[in-house]
C-alpha atoms as a PDB file:
ATOM      1  CA  MET A   1     -50.200   7.945  68.192  1.00  0.00           C
ATOM      2  CA  SER A   2     -50.829   8.776  71.786  1.00  0.00           C
ATOM      3  CA  SER A   3     -53.622   6.674  73.905  1.00  0.00           C
ATOM      4  CA  GLY A   4     -55.355   9.917  75.630  1.00  0.00           C
ATOM      5  CA  PRO A   5     -58.296  12.138  74.531  1.00  0.00           C
ATOM      6  CA  ARG A   6     -57.277  14.609  71.771  1.00  0.00           C
ATOM      7  CA  ARG A   7     -58.944  16.975  69.129  1.00  0.00           C
ATOM      8  CA  CYS A   8     -60.790  15.288  66.368  1.00  0.00           C
ATOM      9  CA  PRO A   9     -63.190  16.769  63.921  1.00  0.00           C
ATOM     10  CA  HIS A  10     -66.716  15.692  64.922  1.00  0.00           C
ATOM     11  CA  ALA A  11     -68.854  13.746  63.054  1.00  0.00           C
ATOM     12  CA  ASP A  12     -70.932  16.764  61.583  1.00  0.00           C
ATOM     13  CA  ALA A  13     -67.929  19.180  61.292  1.00  0.00           C
ATOM     14  CA  PRO A  14     -67.232  20.084  57.544  1.00  0.00           C
ATOM     15  CA  LEU A  15     -63.791  19.082  56.552  1.00  0.00           C
ATOM     16  CA  VAL A  16     -61.661  18.569  53.737  1.00  0.00           C
ATOM     17  CA  ILE A  17     -60.203  14.938  53.345  1.00  0.00           C
ATOM     18  CA  ALA A  18     -57.192  14.360  50.793  1.00  0.00           C
ATOM     19  CA  SER A  19     -57.186  10.634  49.054  1.00  0.00           C
ATOM     20  CA  GLY A  20     -53.818   9.765  48.154  1.00  0.00           C
ATOM     21  CA  SER A  21     -54.480   7.821  44.937  1.00  0.00           C
ATOM     22  CA  VAL A  22     -56.318   8.775  41.716  1.00  0.00           C
ATOM     23  CA  ASN A  23     -56.565   4.845  41.374  1.00  0.00           C
ATOM     24  CA  PRO A  24     -60.869   4.604  41.105  1.00  0.00           C
ATOM     25  CA  ALA A  25     -60.792   1.709  43.560  1.00  0.00           C
ATOM     26  CA  LYS A  26     -58.629   3.237  46.297  1.00  0.00           C
ATOM     27  CA  HIS A  27     -60.921   6.766  45.839  1.00  0.00           C
ATOM     28  CA  ALA A  28     -64.004   5.187  46.122  1.00  0.00           C
ATOM     29  CA  ALA A  29     -63.130   3.272  49.425  1.00  0.00           C
ATOM     30  CA  VAL A  30     -61.987   6.860  50.807  1.00  0.00           C
ATOM     31  CA  GLU A  31     -65.315   8.098  49.756  1.00  0.00           C
ATOM     32  CA  ARG A  32     -67.298   5.124  51.087  1.00  0.00           C
ATOM     33  CA  ALA A  33     -65.123   4.849  54.629  1.00  0.00           C
ATOM     34  CA  ALA A  34     -65.433   8.962  54.887  1.00  0.00           C
ATOM     35  CA  ALA A  35     -69.602   8.907  54.233  1.00  0.00           C
ATOM     36  CA  ALA A  36     -69.408   6.210  57.352  1.00  0.00           C
ATOM     37  CA  TYR A  37     -68.152   8.479  59.824  1.00  0.00           C
ATOM     38  CA  PHE A  38     -68.725  12.289  58.534  1.00  0.00           C
ATOM     39  CA  LEU A  39     -72.075  14.124  57.447  1.00  0.00           C
ATOM     40  CA  ARG A  40     -70.462  17.139  55.593  1.00  0.00           C
ATOM     41  CA  ALA A  41     -66.902  15.809  54.090  1.00  0.00           C
ATOM     42  CA  THR A  42     -65.456  16.629  51.052  1.00  0.00           C
ATOM     43  CA  VAL A  43     -62.966  13.993  49.673  1.00  0.00           C
ATOM     44  CA  GLU A  44     -60.559  14.921  46.834  1.00  0.00           C
ATOM     45  CA  ALA A  45     -58.003  12.903  45.285  1.00  0.00           C
ATOM     46  CA  VAL A  46     -54.488  13.530  44.526  1.00  0.00           C
ATOM     47  CA  ASP A  47     -51.893  11.200  43.028  1.00  0.00           C
ATOM     48  CA  VAL A  48     -48.762  11.128  45.414  1.00  0.00           C
ATOM     49  CA  PRO A  49     -45.887   8.832  45.371  1.00  0.00           C
ATOM     50  CA  SER A  50     -46.211   5.774  48.107  1.00  0.00           C
ATOM     51  CA  GLY A  51     -42.183   5.616  48.253  1.00  0.00           C
ATOM     52  CA  VAL A  52     -42.095   2.364  48.216  1.00  0.00           C
ATOM     53  CA  PRO A  53     -41.564  -0.373  45.413  1.00  0.00           C
ATOM     54  CA  ALA A  54     -44.518  -0.952  42.676  1.00  0.00           C
ATOM     55  CA  GLN A  55     -44.860  -4.364  44.476  1.00  0.00           C
ATOM     56  CA  PRO A  56     -44.588  -3.767  48.151  1.00  0.00           C
ATOM     57  CA  TRP A  57     -43.507  -7.108  50.322  1.00  0.00           C
ATOM     58  CA  GLY A  58     -44.572  -7.218  53.857  1.00  0.00           C
ATOM     59  CA  ASP A  59     -46.732  -5.725  56.119  1.00  0.00           C
ATOM     60  CA  GLU A  60     -44.417  -3.279  57.292  1.00  0.00           C
ATOM     61  CA  GLU A  61     -43.277  -1.985  53.970  1.00  0.00           C
ATOM     62  CA  THR A  62     -46.968  -1.862  52.853  1.00  0.00           C
ATOM     63  CA  ALA A  63     -48.244   0.265  55.506  1.00  0.00           C
ATOM     64  CA  ARG A  64     -45.272   2.387  54.995  1.00  0.00           C
ATOM     65  CA  GLY A  65     -46.436   3.192  51.587  1.00  0.00           C
ATOM     66  CA  ALA A  66     -49.943   3.845  52.624  1.00  0.00           C
ATOM     67  CA  LEU A  67     -48.645   6.642  55.404  1.00  0.00           C
ATOM     68  CA  ARG A  68     -46.675   8.092  52.784  1.00  0.00           C
ATOM     69  CA  ARG A  69     -49.528   8.620  50.681  1.00  0.00           C
ATOM     70  CA  ALA A  70     -51.661   9.851  53.335  1.00  0.00           C
ATOM     71  CA  ALA A  71     -49.213  12.316  54.603  1.00  0.00           C
ATOM     72  CA  GLN A  72     -48.634  13.622  51.091  1.00  0.00           C
ATOM     73  CA  ALA A  73     -51.846  13.913  50.402  1.00  0.00           C
ATOM     74  CA  ARG A  74     -52.841  16.076  53.184  1.00  0.00           C
ATOM     75  CA  LEU A  75     -49.924  18.040  52.503  1.00  0.00           C
ATOM     76  CA  THR A  76     -50.428  18.694  49.040  1.00  0.00           C
ATOM     77  CA  LEU A  77     -54.311  19.567  49.314  1.00  0.00           C
ATOM     78  CA  ASP A  78     -53.536  21.256  53.229  1.00  0.00           C
ATOM     79  CA  ALA A  79     -56.382  19.152  53.831  1.00  0.00           C
ATOM     80  CA  ASP A  80     -57.912  18.276  57.530  1.00  0.00           C
ATOM     81  CA  LEU A  81     -57.416  14.538  57.146  1.00  0.00           C
ATOM     82  CA  GLY A  82     -54.976  12.578  54.521  1.00  0.00           C
ATOM     83  CA  LEU A  83     -55.968   9.082  53.652  1.00  0.00           C
ATOM     84  CA  GLY A  84     -53.764   6.944  51.909  1.00  0.00           C
ATOM     85  CA  ILE A  85     -54.167   3.158  50.873  1.00  0.00           C
ATOM     86  CA  GLU A  86     -51.240   0.377  49.757  1.00  0.00           C
ATOM     87  CA  SER A  87     -51.561  -3.082  48.624  1.00  0.00           C
ATOM     88  CA  GLY A  88     -49.078  -5.566  48.984  1.00  0.00           C
ATOM     89  CA  VAL A  89     -48.113  -8.913  49.415  1.00  0.00           C
ATOM     90  CA  VAL A  90     -46.693 -11.063  52.206  1.00  0.00           C
ATOM     91  CA  GLU A  91     -45.934 -14.960  52.821  1.00  0.00           C
ATOM     92  CA  GLY A  92     -48.094 -16.717  55.378  1.00  0.00           C
ATOM     93  CA  PRO A  93     -49.805 -19.813  56.449  1.00  0.00           C
ATOM     94  CA  GLY A  94     -49.383 -23.235  54.378  1.00  0.00           C
ATOM     95  CA  GLY A  95     -46.651 -21.701  52.393  1.00  0.00           C
ATOM     96  CA  ASN A  96     -49.011 -19.115  50.101  1.00  0.00           C
ATOM     97  CA  LEU A  97     -48.622 -15.493  49.203  1.00  0.00           C
ATOM     98  CA  TYR A  98     -51.285 -13.532  50.534  1.00  0.00           C
ATOM     99  CA  VAL A  99     -52.638 -10.334  49.324  1.00  0.00           C
ATOM    100  CA  VAL A 100     -52.783  -7.508  52.330  1.00  0.00           C
ATOM    101  CA  ALA A 101     -54.017  -4.120  52.059  1.00  0.00           C
ATOM    102  CA  TRP A 102     -52.869  -1.059  54.389  1.00  0.00           C
ATOM    103  CA  ALA A 103     -54.650   2.118  55.103  1.00  0.00           C
ATOM    104  CA  ALA A 104     -53.089   5.404  56.884  1.00  0.00           C
ATOM    105  CA  ALA A 105     -54.888   8.273  58.055  1.00  0.00           C
ATOM    106  CA  ILE A 106     -53.095  11.270  59.362  1.00  0.00           C
ATOM    107  CA  ASP A 107     -54.342  14.443  60.670  1.00  0.00           C
ATOM    108  CA  ARG A 108     -53.022  18.296  60.629  1.00  0.00           C
ATOM    109  CA  ASP A 109     -51.081  17.684  63.992  1.00  0.00           C
ATOM    110  CA  ASP A 110     -49.493  14.563  62.301  1.00  0.00           C
ATOM    111  CA  ALA A 111     -51.253  12.210  64.349  1.00  0.00           C
ATOM    112  CA  HIS A 112     -51.643   8.718  62.492  1.00  0.00           C
ATOM    113  CA  ALA A 113     -52.952   5.563  62.607  1.00  0.00           C
ATOM    114  CA  PHE A 114     -52.962   2.609  60.764  1.00  0.00           C
ATOM    115  CA  GLY A 115     -55.975   0.072  59.532  1.00  0.00           C
ATOM    116  CA  GLY A 116     -55.616  -3.245  57.486  1.00  0.00           C
ATOM    117  CA  SER A 117     -58.263  -5.326  55.708  1.00  0.00           C
ATOM    118  CA  GLU A 118     -58.897  -9.094  55.414  1.00  0.00           C
ATOM    119  CA  ARG A 119     -55.994 -11.084  53.511  1.00  0.00           C
ATOM    120  CA  PHE A 120     -56.586 -13.510  50.561  1.00  0.00           C
ATOM    121  CA  PRO A 121     -54.120 -16.083  49.035  1.00  0.00           C
ATOM    122  CA  LEU A 122     -52.780 -16.188  45.522  1.00  0.00           C
ATOM    123  CA  PRO A 123     -53.155 -19.157  43.152  1.00  0.00           C
ATOM    124  CA  ALA A 124     -49.301 -20.821  43.117  1.00  0.00           C
ATOM    125  CA  GLU A 125     -49.172 -19.697  39.419  1.00  0.00           C
ATOM    126  CA  VAL A 126     -49.635 -16.103  40.357  1.00  0.00           C
ATOM    127  CA  ALA A 127     -47.641 -16.074  43.535  1.00  0.00           C
ATOM    128  CA  ASP A 128     -44.757 -17.870  41.795  1.00  0.00           C
ATOM    129  CA  ARG A 129     -44.736 -15.086  39.253  1.00  0.00           C
ATOM    130  CA  VAL A 130     -44.899 -12.304  42.080  1.00  0.00           C
ATOM    131  CA  ARG A 131     -42.394 -14.024  43.907  1.00  0.00           C
ATOM    132  CA  ALA A 132     -39.969 -14.172  40.685  1.00  0.00           C
ATOM    133  CA  GLY A 133     -40.103 -10.207  40.857  1.00  0.00           C
ATOM    134  CA  ALA A 134     -43.400  -9.195  38.917  1.00  0.00           C
ATOM    135  CA  GLU A 135     -45.514  -7.066  39.850  1.00  0.00           C
ATOM    136  CA  LEU A 136     -49.282  -8.396  41.074  1.00  0.00           C
ATOM    137  CA  GLY A 137     -51.732  -5.978  38.844  1.00  0.00           C
ATOM    138  CA  PRO A 138     -50.031  -7.245  35.637  1.00  0.00           C
ATOM    139  CA  VAL A 139     -49.972 -10.916  36.855  1.00  0.00           C
ATOM    140  CA  ILE A 140     -53.740 -10.707  37.081  1.00  0.00           C
ATOM    141  CA  ASP A 141     -54.258  -8.964  34.005  1.00  0.00           C
ATOM    142  CA  ALA A 142     -52.651 -11.488  32.025  1.00  0.00           C
ATOM    143  CA  VAL A 143     -54.379 -14.643  34.083  1.00  0.00           C
ATOM    144  CA  ALA A 144     -57.648 -12.952  33.693  1.00  0.00           C
ATOM    145  CA  GLY A 145     -57.183 -11.444  30.316  1.00  0.00           C
ATOM    146  CA  ILE A 146     -58.478  -8.274  31.121  1.00  0.00           C
ATOM    147  CA  PRO A 147     -56.267  -4.928  31.242  1.00  0.00           C
ATOM    148  CA  GLY A 148     -56.822  -2.801  34.411  1.00  0.00           C
ATOM    149  CA  THR A 149     -58.015  -5.138  36.864  1.00  0.00           C
ATOM    150  CA  ALA A 150     -56.266  -3.248  39.799  1.00  0.00           C
ATOM    151  CA  ARG A 151     -58.190   0.109  38.724  1.00  0.00           C
ATOM    152  CA  ARG A 152     -61.431  -1.785  38.954  1.00  0.00           C
ATOM    153  CA  GLY A 153     -62.467  -5.040  41.101  1.00  0.00           C
ATOM    154  CA  GLY A 154     -58.889  -6.697  42.054  1.00  0.00           C
ATOM    155  CA  ALA A 155     -57.634  -9.595  42.101  1.00  0.00           C
ATOM    156  CA  ILE A 156     -59.948 -10.273  44.745  1.00  0.00           C
ATOM    157  CA  SER A 157     -63.286 -10.013  42.494  1.00  0.00           C
ATOM    158  CA  LEU A 158     -61.087 -12.421  39.770  1.00  0.00           C
ATOM    159  CA  LEU A 159     -60.348 -14.978  42.632  1.00  0.00           C
ATOM    160  CA  THR A 160     -63.964 -14.575  44.302  1.00  0.00           C
ATOM    161  CA  ALA A 161     -65.596 -14.910  40.851  1.00  0.00           C
ATOM    162  CA  GLY A 162     -66.779 -11.122  41.654  1.00  0.00           C
ATOM    163  CA  ARG A 163     -68.319 -12.070  45.296  1.00  0.00           C
ATOM    164  CA  ARG A 164     -65.706  -9.592  46.818  1.00  0.00           C
ATOM    165  CA  ASP A 165     -64.361  -6.417  45.150  1.00  0.00           C
ATOM    166  CA  ARG A 166     -61.305  -4.112  45.714  1.00  0.00           C
ATOM    167  CA  THR A 167     -63.341  -1.771  46.840  1.00  0.00           C
ATOM    168  CA  ASP A 168     -65.298  -3.493  49.501  1.00  0.00           C
ATOM    169  CA  MET A 169     -61.742  -4.868  50.798  1.00  0.00           C
ATOM    170  CA  LEU A 170     -59.961  -1.507  50.987  1.00  0.00           C
ATOM    171  CA  THR A 171     -63.029   0.173  52.254  1.00  0.00           C
ATOM    172  CA  ILE A 172     -62.496  -2.207  55.406  1.00  0.00           C
ATOM    173  CA  ALA A 173     -58.552  -0.922  55.778  1.00  0.00           C
ATOM    174  CA  VAL A 174     -59.777   2.842  55.561  1.00  0.00           C
ATOM    175  CA  ILE A 175     -62.859   2.508  58.249  1.00  0.00           C
ATOM    176  CA  HIS A 176     -60.256   0.763  60.756  1.00  0.00           C
ATOM    177  CA  ALA A 177     -57.757   3.454  60.024  1.00  0.00           C
ATOM    178  CA  LEU A 178     -59.770   6.367  60.923  1.00  0.00           C
ATOM    179  CA  ALA A 179     -61.506   4.855  63.774  1.00  0.00           C
ATOM    180  CA  ALA A 180     -58.098   4.207  65.206  1.00  0.00           C
ATOM    181  CA  LEU A 181     -56.950   7.782  64.583  1.00  0.00           C
ATOM    182  CA  LEU A 182     -60.202   9.425  65.547  1.00  0.00           C
ATOM    183  CA  GLN A 183     -60.530   7.230  68.574  1.00  0.00           C
ATOM    184  CA  VAL A 184     -64.393   6.558  67.508  1.00  0.00           C
ATOM    185  CA  TRP A 185     -65.238   4.980  71.104  1.00  0.00           C
ATOM    186  CA  ARG A 186     -64.943   8.519  72.840  1.00  0.00           C
ATOM    187  CA  GLY A 187     -68.040   9.886  70.957  1.00  0.00           C
ATOM    188  CA  GLY A 188     -68.954  11.877  68.332  1.00  0.00           C
ATOM    189  CA  PHE A 189     -69.425   9.240  66.023  1.00  0.00           C
ATOM    190  CA  ALA A 190     -72.603   7.475  66.152  1.00  0.00           C
ATOM    191  CA  GLN A 191     -73.349   5.534  62.925  1.00  0.00           C
ATOM    192  CA  THR A 192     -74.735   7.538  60.490  1.00  0.00           C
END
């Protein structure tokens, strides 16, 4: 992404945003973030591949999956902007395995930017199973005894006893990606 000014949609311009997932938590995050920046955006979800393993490992692989989703969604729907989200895991302080989420935003000129959300550690018994090759979603489903947690509150909701949910966490990543792509500090994006 260049550091100089470039043509960006204005906050009150009508535009179509392609969301690179039909996962309800991810799609809701894109809708919330879009509403934070645009008054007349239409968000359409499309199921596109991430191009990374089902359980992305590390920041680079996870961010690459988000960018692939954003780019494929934008192209598939011929949208003004594409937004993709990918969650993964990364080793971190204290020997813990952390959940990460990256969002990517891309425009018609292929300018793109990334945004991340907060990280949170997994309990040792969950981390051990993920390190052994299991995908986080099914492990959390088994621990919680509730199928489909990744499509709803996610691991964060389970681990915080509902004080945070996946959509909240993913919305932060999308807001950060849009801020970087749109260079909101240059004007036209007063809080709505």
